Amino acid sequence: MSAAAHNHAGHHHDDHSHDHHDDGPHSTFSGYMTGFILSIILTAIPFWLVMADVITNKKTAVLVLGAFAVVQIVVHMICFLHMNGKIEGGWTLLSTIFTIIFVAIGIAGTLWVMFHMNTNMMPQHVSPEAPPAQSAPATHTP
C-alpha cells in the first residue's frame, strides 16, 4: 500500500469520526441475555394463565394480560432498543413518549366512538305493549 493511499484512508477515517458521534447505545451480551430471559418469562406467564384457565373473569384476564404486554414492551425498549434519557439528549425518549400518548389518545377515542355507536345506533327492541309503528301513506302522483 502506498503512503498516499494510506494517508487517504487515515484522512477518511478522521473525517468519518468527526461526522458521526460514536456515543450511541451499546449493550453487552449480558444486557441482551437479560432482555431475552425477561421476554421469555413475560411471554410464558401469560401463556400459562390462558392455557391453564387460571383467571376465569374475562375482564380481569384482559387487564392482567395487557399489563404483561406493556411490561414486555418496556423491556424491549430498554434492553433491545436501548432507550433511555441519555441517548441523543433525551430526544429519542421524548419522541417515544409522544408516540405512546398519541396512540393512546387514538385508541381511547376509537373505543369511545365505537361504544357510543353501539349504544345509539343499534335497533331498539320492540316491546309487545308498544303500538305498531304507523307508516306514512304512499303518495301517487299522476
N, C-alpha and C. Protein backbone atom coordinates (compact mmCIF):
# COMPACT_ATOMS: atom_id res chain seq x y z
N MET A 1 0.86 -1.17 0.00
CA MET A 1 0.00 0.00 0.00
C MET A 1 0.90 1.22 0.00
N SER A 2 0.59 2.16 -0.86
CA SER A 2 1.40 3.36 -0.94
C SER A 2 1.10 4.28 0.23
N ALA A 3 2.02 5.23 0.42
CA ALA A 3 1.85 6.17 1.54
C ALA A 3 0.67 7.10 1.30
N ALA A 4 0.44 7.47 -0.01
CA ALA A 4 -0.68 8.37 -0.31
C ALA A 4 -2.02 7.68 -0.04
N ALA A 5 -2.07 6.39 -0.43
CA ALA A 5 -3.32 5.67 -0.18
C ALA A 5 -3.56 5.50 1.32
N HIS A 6 -2.47 5.27 2.05
CA HIS A 6 -2.60 5.11 3.49
C HIS A 6 -3.07 6.42 4.14
N ASN A 7 -2.49 7.56 3.67
CA ASN A 7 -2.91 8.84 4.23
C ASN A 7 -4.37 9.14 3.88
N HIS A 8 -4.75 8.76 2.65
CA HIS A 8 -6.14 8.99 2.27
C HIS A 8 -7.09 8.18 3.17
N ALA A 9 -6.69 6.92 3.40
CA ALA A 9 -7.53 6.08 4.25
C ALA A 9 -7.58 6.64 5.67
N GLY A 10 -6.43 7.12 6.15
CA GLY A 10 -6.40 7.68 7.51
C GLY A 10 -7.20 8.98 7.57
N HIS A 11 -7.09 9.81 6.51
CA HIS A 11 -7.85 11.06 6.48
C HIS A 11 -9.35 10.77 6.45
N HIS A 12 -9.72 9.77 5.64
CA HIS A 12 -11.13 9.41 5.54
C HIS A 12 -11.66 8.95 6.90
N HIS A 13 -10.84 8.19 7.61
CA HIS A 13 -11.27 7.72 8.91
C HIS A 13 -11.45 8.89 9.87
N ASP A 14 -10.55 9.88 9.77
CA ASP A 14 -10.68 11.05 10.65
C ASP A 14 -11.95 11.83 10.33
N ASP A 15 -12.24 12.00 9.01
CA ASP A 15 -13.47 12.70 8.64
C ASP A 15 -14.70 11.95 9.13
N HIS A 16 -14.61 10.64 9.01
CA HIS A 16 -15.75 9.83 9.44
C HIS A 16 -15.98 10.01 10.94
N SER A 17 -14.90 10.06 11.70
CA SER A 17 -15.08 10.17 13.15
C SER A 17 -15.62 11.55 13.54
N HIS A 18 -15.36 12.59 12.70
CA HIS A 18 -15.88 13.91 13.02
C HIS A 18 -17.36 14.03 12.65
N ASP A 19 -17.77 13.26 11.62
CA ASP A 19 -19.16 13.36 11.18
C ASP A 19 -20.12 12.65 12.13
N HIS A 20 -19.69 11.56 12.67
CA HIS A 20 -20.59 10.75 13.50
C HIS A 20 -20.05 10.70 14.93
N HIS A 21 -20.90 11.00 15.83
CA HIS A 21 -20.52 10.85 17.22
C HIS A 21 -20.81 9.43 17.63
N ASP A 22 -19.84 8.78 18.14
CA ASP A 22 -19.98 7.38 18.50
C ASP A 22 -20.43 7.24 19.94
N ASP A 23 -21.43 8.01 20.31
CA ASP A 23 -21.94 7.90 21.68
C ASP A 23 -23.29 7.20 21.70
N GLY A 24 -23.56 6.43 20.65
CA GLY A 24 -24.83 5.72 20.56
C GLY A 24 -24.91 4.60 21.57
N PRO A 25 -26.03 3.96 21.56
CA PRO A 25 -26.24 2.91 22.55
C PRO A 25 -25.36 1.69 22.28
N HIS A 26 -24.82 1.18 23.30
CA HIS A 26 -24.06 -0.05 23.22
C HIS A 26 -24.55 -0.94 24.34
N SER A 27 -24.66 -2.19 24.05
CA SER A 27 -25.08 -3.11 25.08
C SER A 27 -24.10 -4.26 25.13
N THR A 28 -24.14 -4.96 26.20
CA THR A 28 -23.27 -6.10 26.36
C THR A 28 -24.07 -7.37 26.12
N PHE A 29 -23.35 -8.46 26.06
CA PHE A 29 -24.02 -9.75 25.88
C PHE A 29 -24.95 -10.02 27.05
N SER A 30 -24.52 -9.67 28.24
CA SER A 30 -25.37 -9.91 29.41
C SER A 30 -26.63 -9.03 29.37
N GLY A 31 -26.53 -7.83 28.81
CA GLY A 31 -27.71 -6.97 28.66
C GLY A 31 -28.73 -7.58 27.72
N TYR A 32 -28.24 -8.10 26.57
CA TYR A 32 -29.15 -8.76 25.64
C TYR A 32 -29.75 -10.02 26.24
N MET A 33 -28.94 -10.79 26.97
CA MET A 33 -29.45 -12.02 27.58
C MET A 33 -30.48 -11.70 28.67
N THR A 34 -30.27 -10.63 29.42
CA THR A 34 -31.26 -10.22 30.41
C THR A 34 -32.58 -9.89 29.74
N GLY A 35 -32.54 -9.15 28.66
CA GLY A 35 -33.76 -8.83 27.92
C GLY A 35 -34.42 -10.06 27.33
N PHE A 36 -33.59 -10.98 26.82
CA PHE A 36 -34.13 -12.20 26.23
C PHE A 36 -34.83 -13.06 27.29
N ILE A 37 -34.20 -13.21 28.44
CA ILE A 37 -34.80 -14.04 29.50
C ILE A 37 -36.06 -13.39 30.05
N LEU A 38 -36.03 -12.07 30.24
CA LEU A 38 -37.24 -11.38 30.70
C LEU A 38 -38.36 -11.51 29.68
N SER A 39 -38.03 -11.46 28.40
CA SER A 39 -39.05 -11.60 27.36
C SER A 39 -39.67 -12.99 27.39
N ILE A 40 -38.84 -14.00 27.59
CA ILE A 40 -39.37 -15.36 27.67
C ILE A 40 -40.29 -15.51 28.87
N ILE A 41 -39.87 -14.98 30.01
CA ILE A 41 -40.70 -15.07 31.22
C ILE A 41 -42.01 -14.31 31.02
N LEU A 42 -41.92 -13.12 30.43
CA LEU A 42 -43.12 -12.31 30.24
C LEU A 42 -44.02 -12.85 29.14
N THR A 43 -43.55 -13.80 28.35
CA THR A 43 -44.39 -14.49 27.39
C THR A 43 -44.96 -15.76 27.99
N ALA A 44 -44.15 -16.48 28.77
CA ALA A 44 -44.58 -17.77 29.32
C ALA A 44 -45.67 -17.61 30.37
N ILE A 45 -45.58 -16.60 31.20
CA ILE A 45 -46.59 -16.42 32.26
C ILE A 45 -47.97 -16.15 31.67
N PRO A 46 -48.15 -15.22 30.76
CA PRO A 46 -49.49 -15.04 30.17
C PRO A 46 -49.96 -16.27 29.40
N PHE A 47 -49.04 -16.97 28.73
CA PHE A 47 -49.42 -18.19 28.03
C PHE A 47 -49.97 -19.22 29.01
N TRP A 48 -49.29 -19.37 30.15
CA TRP A 48 -49.76 -20.31 31.17
C TRP A 48 -51.10 -19.85 31.75
N LEU A 49 -51.26 -18.55 31.98
CA LEU A 49 -52.51 -18.04 32.53
C LEU A 49 -53.69 -18.37 31.61
N VAL A 50 -53.47 -18.27 30.32
CA VAL A 50 -54.55 -18.53 29.37
C VAL A 50 -54.78 -20.03 29.21
N MET A 51 -53.71 -20.79 29.04
CA MET A 51 -53.86 -22.22 28.77
C MET A 51 -54.39 -22.98 29.98
N ALA A 52 -54.02 -22.58 31.19
CA ALA A 52 -54.48 -23.27 32.40
C ALA A 52 -55.81 -22.71 32.89
N ASP A 53 -56.29 -21.68 32.21
CA ASP A 53 -57.56 -21.03 32.59
C ASP A 53 -57.54 -20.62 34.06
N VAL A 54 -56.48 -19.94 34.43
CA VAL A 54 -56.28 -19.53 35.82
C VAL A 54 -57.24 -18.41 36.19
N ILE A 55 -57.41 -17.45 35.30
CA ILE A 55 -58.28 -16.31 35.58
C ILE A 55 -59.59 -16.55 34.84
N THR A 56 -60.66 -16.70 35.60
CA THR A 56 -61.96 -17.01 34.97
C THR A 56 -62.70 -15.77 34.51
N ASN A 57 -62.50 -14.65 35.20
CA ASN A 57 -63.17 -13.41 34.80
C ASN A 57 -62.46 -12.83 33.58
N LYS A 58 -63.21 -12.61 32.50
CA LYS A 58 -62.58 -12.16 31.25
C LYS A 58 -62.01 -10.75 31.37
N LYS A 59 -62.70 -9.87 32.09
CA LYS A 59 -62.19 -8.50 32.23
C LYS A 59 -60.87 -8.49 33.00
N THR A 60 -60.80 -9.27 34.05
CA THR A 60 -59.55 -9.36 34.81
C THR A 60 -58.45 -9.96 33.96
N ALA A 61 -58.78 -10.97 33.18
CA ALA A 61 -57.78 -11.61 32.32
C ALA A 61 -57.24 -10.62 31.30
N VAL A 62 -58.12 -9.81 30.72
CA VAL A 62 -57.67 -8.82 29.74
C VAL A 62 -56.76 -7.79 30.39
N LEU A 63 -57.11 -7.36 31.59
CA LEU A 63 -56.26 -6.37 32.28
C LEU A 63 -54.90 -6.97 32.64
N VAL A 64 -54.88 -8.20 33.14
CA VAL A 64 -53.61 -8.83 33.52
C VAL A 64 -52.75 -9.08 32.28
N LEU A 65 -53.34 -9.60 31.22
CA LEU A 65 -52.56 -9.87 30.00
C LEU A 65 -52.08 -8.57 29.37
N GLY A 66 -52.90 -7.52 29.45
CA GLY A 66 -52.47 -6.22 28.94
C GLY A 66 -51.31 -5.66 29.74
N ALA A 67 -51.35 -5.86 31.06
CA ALA A 67 -50.24 -5.39 31.90
C ALA A 67 -48.95 -6.13 31.55
N PHE A 68 -49.03 -7.44 31.33
CA PHE A 68 -47.84 -8.20 30.91
C PHE A 68 -47.33 -7.69 29.56
N ALA A 69 -48.23 -7.36 28.66
CA ALA A 69 -47.82 -6.86 27.34
C ALA A 69 -47.11 -5.51 27.47
N VAL A 70 -47.63 -4.64 28.32
CA VAL A 70 -46.99 -3.33 28.49
C VAL A 70 -45.61 -3.48 29.11
N VAL A 71 -45.48 -4.37 30.10
CA VAL A 71 -44.17 -4.59 30.72
C VAL A 71 -43.19 -5.15 29.70
N GLN A 72 -43.67 -6.04 28.84
CA GLN A 72 -42.79 -6.61 27.82
C GLN A 72 -42.36 -5.54 26.80
N ILE A 73 -43.25 -4.64 26.47
CA ILE A 73 -42.87 -3.55 25.57
C ILE A 73 -41.78 -2.70 26.20
N VAL A 74 -41.91 -2.41 27.48
CA VAL A 74 -40.90 -1.61 28.17
C VAL A 74 -39.56 -2.35 28.21
N VAL A 75 -39.60 -3.65 28.45
CA VAL A 75 -38.36 -4.45 28.46
C VAL A 75 -37.69 -4.39 27.09
N HIS A 76 -38.45 -4.52 26.03
CA HIS A 76 -37.88 -4.47 24.67
C HIS A 76 -37.30 -3.08 24.39
N MET A 77 -38.00 -2.04 24.83
CA MET A 77 -37.50 -0.69 24.58
C MET A 77 -36.18 -0.44 25.31
N ILE A 78 -36.05 -0.96 26.51
CA ILE A 78 -34.85 -0.71 27.30
C ILE A 78 -33.71 -1.64 26.90
N CYS A 79 -33.98 -2.94 26.80
CA CYS A 79 -32.91 -3.91 26.58
C CYS A 79 -32.49 -4.03 25.12
N PHE A 80 -33.43 -3.90 24.20
CA PHE A 80 -33.07 -4.12 22.79
C PHE A 80 -32.98 -2.82 21.99
N LEU A 81 -33.82 -1.85 22.31
CA LEU A 81 -33.76 -0.58 21.58
C LEU A 81 -32.91 0.45 22.30
N HIS A 82 -32.46 0.12 23.51
CA HIS A 82 -31.54 0.96 24.29
C HIS A 82 -32.09 2.37 24.52
N MET A 83 -33.35 2.48 24.78
CA MET A 83 -33.95 3.79 25.01
C MET A 83 -33.78 4.20 26.47
N ASN A 84 -33.23 5.37 26.63
CA ASN A 84 -33.16 5.98 27.95
C ASN A 84 -33.04 7.48 27.75
N GLY A 85 -32.96 8.20 28.81
CA GLY A 85 -32.93 9.66 28.74
C GLY A 85 -31.59 10.23 28.32
N LYS A 86 -30.56 9.40 28.19
CA LYS A 86 -29.23 9.90 27.86
C LYS A 86 -28.93 9.88 26.35
N ILE A 87 -29.60 9.00 25.61
CA ILE A 87 -29.32 8.86 24.19
C ILE A 87 -29.86 10.07 23.44
N GLU A 88 -29.00 10.67 22.61
CA GLU A 88 -29.34 11.82 21.76
C GLU A 88 -30.01 12.93 22.55
N GLY A 89 -29.52 13.16 23.70
CA GLY A 89 -30.02 14.25 24.53
C GLY A 89 -31.44 14.05 25.02
N GLY A 90 -31.92 12.84 25.02
CA GLY A 90 -33.26 12.54 25.50
C GLY A 90 -34.34 12.67 24.45
N TRP A 91 -33.96 13.03 23.21
CA TRP A 91 -34.97 13.22 22.15
C TRP A 91 -35.63 11.92 21.74
N THR A 92 -34.89 10.83 21.77
CA THR A 92 -35.47 9.53 21.43
C THR A 92 -36.55 9.15 22.43
N LEU A 93 -36.25 9.34 23.70
CA LEU A 93 -37.23 9.01 24.73
C LEU A 93 -38.43 9.95 24.65
N LEU A 94 -38.16 11.22 24.38
CA LEU A 94 -39.26 12.20 24.28
C LEU A 94 -40.18 11.87 23.09
N SER A 95 -39.59 11.51 21.97
CA SER A 95 -40.42 11.17 20.80
C SER A 95 -41.20 9.88 21.05
N THR A 96 -40.61 8.96 21.78
CA THR A 96 -41.32 7.73 22.12
C THR A 96 -42.51 8.01 23.03
N ILE A 97 -42.31 8.86 24.02
CA ILE A 97 -43.41 9.22 24.92
C ILE A 97 -44.52 9.92 24.14
N PHE A 98 -44.16 10.82 23.22
CA PHE A 98 -45.15 11.48 22.38
C PHE A 98 -45.93 10.46 21.55
N THR A 99 -45.22 9.49 20.99
CA THR A 99 -45.89 8.46 20.19
C THR A 99 -46.84 7.64 21.04
N ILE A 100 -46.42 7.29 22.24
CA ILE A 100 -47.28 6.49 23.13
C ILE A 100 -48.54 7.28 23.48
N ILE A 101 -48.39 8.56 23.80
CA ILE A 101 -49.55 9.39 24.14
C ILE A 101 -50.48 9.52 22.93
N PHE A 102 -49.91 9.73 21.75
CA PHE A 102 -50.71 9.87 20.53
C PHE A 102 -51.49 8.59 20.23
N VAL A 103 -50.84 7.45 20.37
CA VAL A 103 -51.50 6.17 20.11
C VAL A 103 -52.58 5.91 21.17
N ALA A 104 -52.29 6.25 22.43
CA ALA A 104 -53.29 6.05 23.49
C ALA A 104 -54.52 6.90 23.24
N ILE A 105 -54.32 8.15 22.81
CA ILE A 105 -55.48 9.01 22.50
C ILE A 105 -56.26 8.42 21.33
N GLY A 106 -55.57 7.91 20.33
CA GLY A 106 -56.25 7.31 19.18
C GLY A 106 -57.05 6.08 19.57
N ILE A 107 -56.47 5.22 20.40
CA ILE A 107 -57.18 4.01 20.82
C ILE A 107 -58.36 4.37 21.71
N ALA A 108 -58.15 5.30 22.67
CA ALA A 108 -59.25 5.69 23.56
C ALA A 108 -60.38 6.35 22.77
N GLY A 109 -60.05 7.19 21.82
CA GLY A 109 -61.08 7.83 21.01
C GLY A 109 -61.84 6.84 20.16
N THR A 110 -61.14 5.88 19.60
CA THR A 110 -61.80 4.86 18.80
C THR A 110 -62.75 4.02 19.64
N LEU A 111 -62.30 3.63 20.83
CA LEU A 111 -63.17 2.84 21.71
C LEU A 111 -64.38 3.66 22.14
N TRP A 112 -64.18 4.94 22.43
CA TRP A 112 -65.29 5.80 22.84
C TRP A 112 -66.32 5.93 21.71
N VAL A 113 -65.85 6.15 20.50
CA VAL A 113 -66.76 6.28 19.36
C VAL A 113 -67.50 4.96 19.12
N MET A 114 -66.79 3.86 19.19
CA MET A 114 -67.44 2.57 18.95
C MET A 114 -68.47 2.25 20.02
N PHE A 115 -68.17 2.59 21.29
CA PHE A 115 -69.13 2.34 22.36
C PHE A 115 -70.39 3.16 22.14
N HIS A 116 -70.24 4.43 21.80
CA HIS A 116 -71.42 5.27 21.59
C HIS A 116 -72.17 4.89 20.33
N MET A 117 -71.48 4.45 19.31
CA MET A 117 -72.19 3.97 18.12
C MET A 117 -72.99 2.72 18.44
N ASN A 118 -72.43 1.84 19.24
CA ASN A 118 -73.14 0.62 19.63
C ASN A 118 -74.37 0.98 20.46
N THR A 119 -74.25 1.97 21.34
CA THR A 119 -75.37 2.36 22.19
C THR A 119 -76.44 3.10 21.41
N ASN A 120 -76.06 3.99 20.53
CA ASN A 120 -77.02 4.87 19.88
C ASN A 120 -77.48 4.40 18.51
N MET A 121 -76.79 3.51 17.87
CA MET A 121 -77.14 3.13 16.51
C MET A 121 -77.79 1.75 16.40
N MET A 122 -77.76 0.96 17.47
CA MET A 122 -78.36 -0.37 17.39
C MET A 122 -79.88 -0.22 17.38
N PRO A 123 -80.60 -1.10 16.67
CA PRO A 123 -82.06 -1.00 16.61
C PRO A 123 -82.65 -1.23 18.01
N GLN A 124 -83.75 -0.50 18.24
CA GLN A 124 -84.43 -0.61 19.52
C GLN A 124 -85.17 -1.95 19.59
N HIS A 125 -85.26 -2.47 20.79
CA HIS A 125 -86.06 -3.66 21.00
C HIS A 125 -87.53 -3.24 21.05
N VAL A 126 -88.37 -3.93 20.33
CA VAL A 126 -89.78 -3.61 20.30
C VAL A 126 -90.47 -4.41 21.40
N SER A 127 -91.12 -3.69 22.30
CA SER A 127 -91.84 -4.38 23.37
C SER A 127 -93.23 -4.77 22.87
N PRO A 128 -93.81 -5.85 23.38
CA PRO A 128 -95.12 -6.29 22.89
C PRO A 128 -96.22 -5.29 23.21
N GLU A 129 -96.09 -4.45 24.25
CA GLU A 129 -97.13 -3.48 24.58
C GLU A 129 -97.08 -2.24 23.69
N ALA A 130 -96.01 -2.02 23.03
CA ALA A 130 -95.87 -0.80 22.24
C ALA A 130 -96.76 -0.89 21.01
N PRO A 131 -97.43 0.23 20.64
CA PRO A 131 -98.26 0.20 19.43
C PRO A 131 -97.38 0.04 18.20
N PRO A 132 -97.91 -0.61 17.19
CA PRO A 132 -97.11 -0.79 15.98
C PRO A 132 -96.84 0.55 15.30
N ALA A 133 -95.72 0.63 14.76
CA ALA A 133 -95.34 1.87 14.09
C ALA A 133 -96.21 2.04 12.85
N GLN A 134 -96.70 3.29 12.67
CA GLN A 134 -97.53 3.56 11.51
C GLN A 134 -96.65 4.09 10.40
N SER A 135 -96.92 3.57 9.25
CA SER A 135 -96.16 4.05 8.11
C SER A 135 -96.94 5.15 7.43
N ALA A 136 -96.25 6.04 6.83
CA ALA A 136 -96.89 7.13 6.12
C ALA A 136 -97.57 6.59 4.87
N PRO A 137 -98.77 7.14 4.53
CA PRO A 137 -99.44 6.64 3.32
C PRO A 137 -98.62 6.99 2.09
N ALA A 138 -98.69 6.07 1.17
CA ALA A 138 -97.95 6.27 -0.06
C ALA A 138 -98.65 7.33 -0.90
N THR A 139 -97.91 8.18 -1.48
CA THR A 139 -98.48 9.21 -2.34
C THR A 139 -98.21 8.83 -3.79
N HIS A 140 -99.27 9.00 -4.58
CA HIS A 140 -99.14 8.71 -6.00
C HIS A 140 -99.30 10.01 -6.77
N THR A 141 -98.46 10.27 -7.60
CA THR A 141 -98.55 11.45 -8.45
C THR A 141 -98.91 11.00 -9.85
N PRO A 142 -99.95 11.62 -10.39
CA PRO A 142 -100.36 11.19 -11.72
C PRO A 142 -99.40 11.61 -12.80
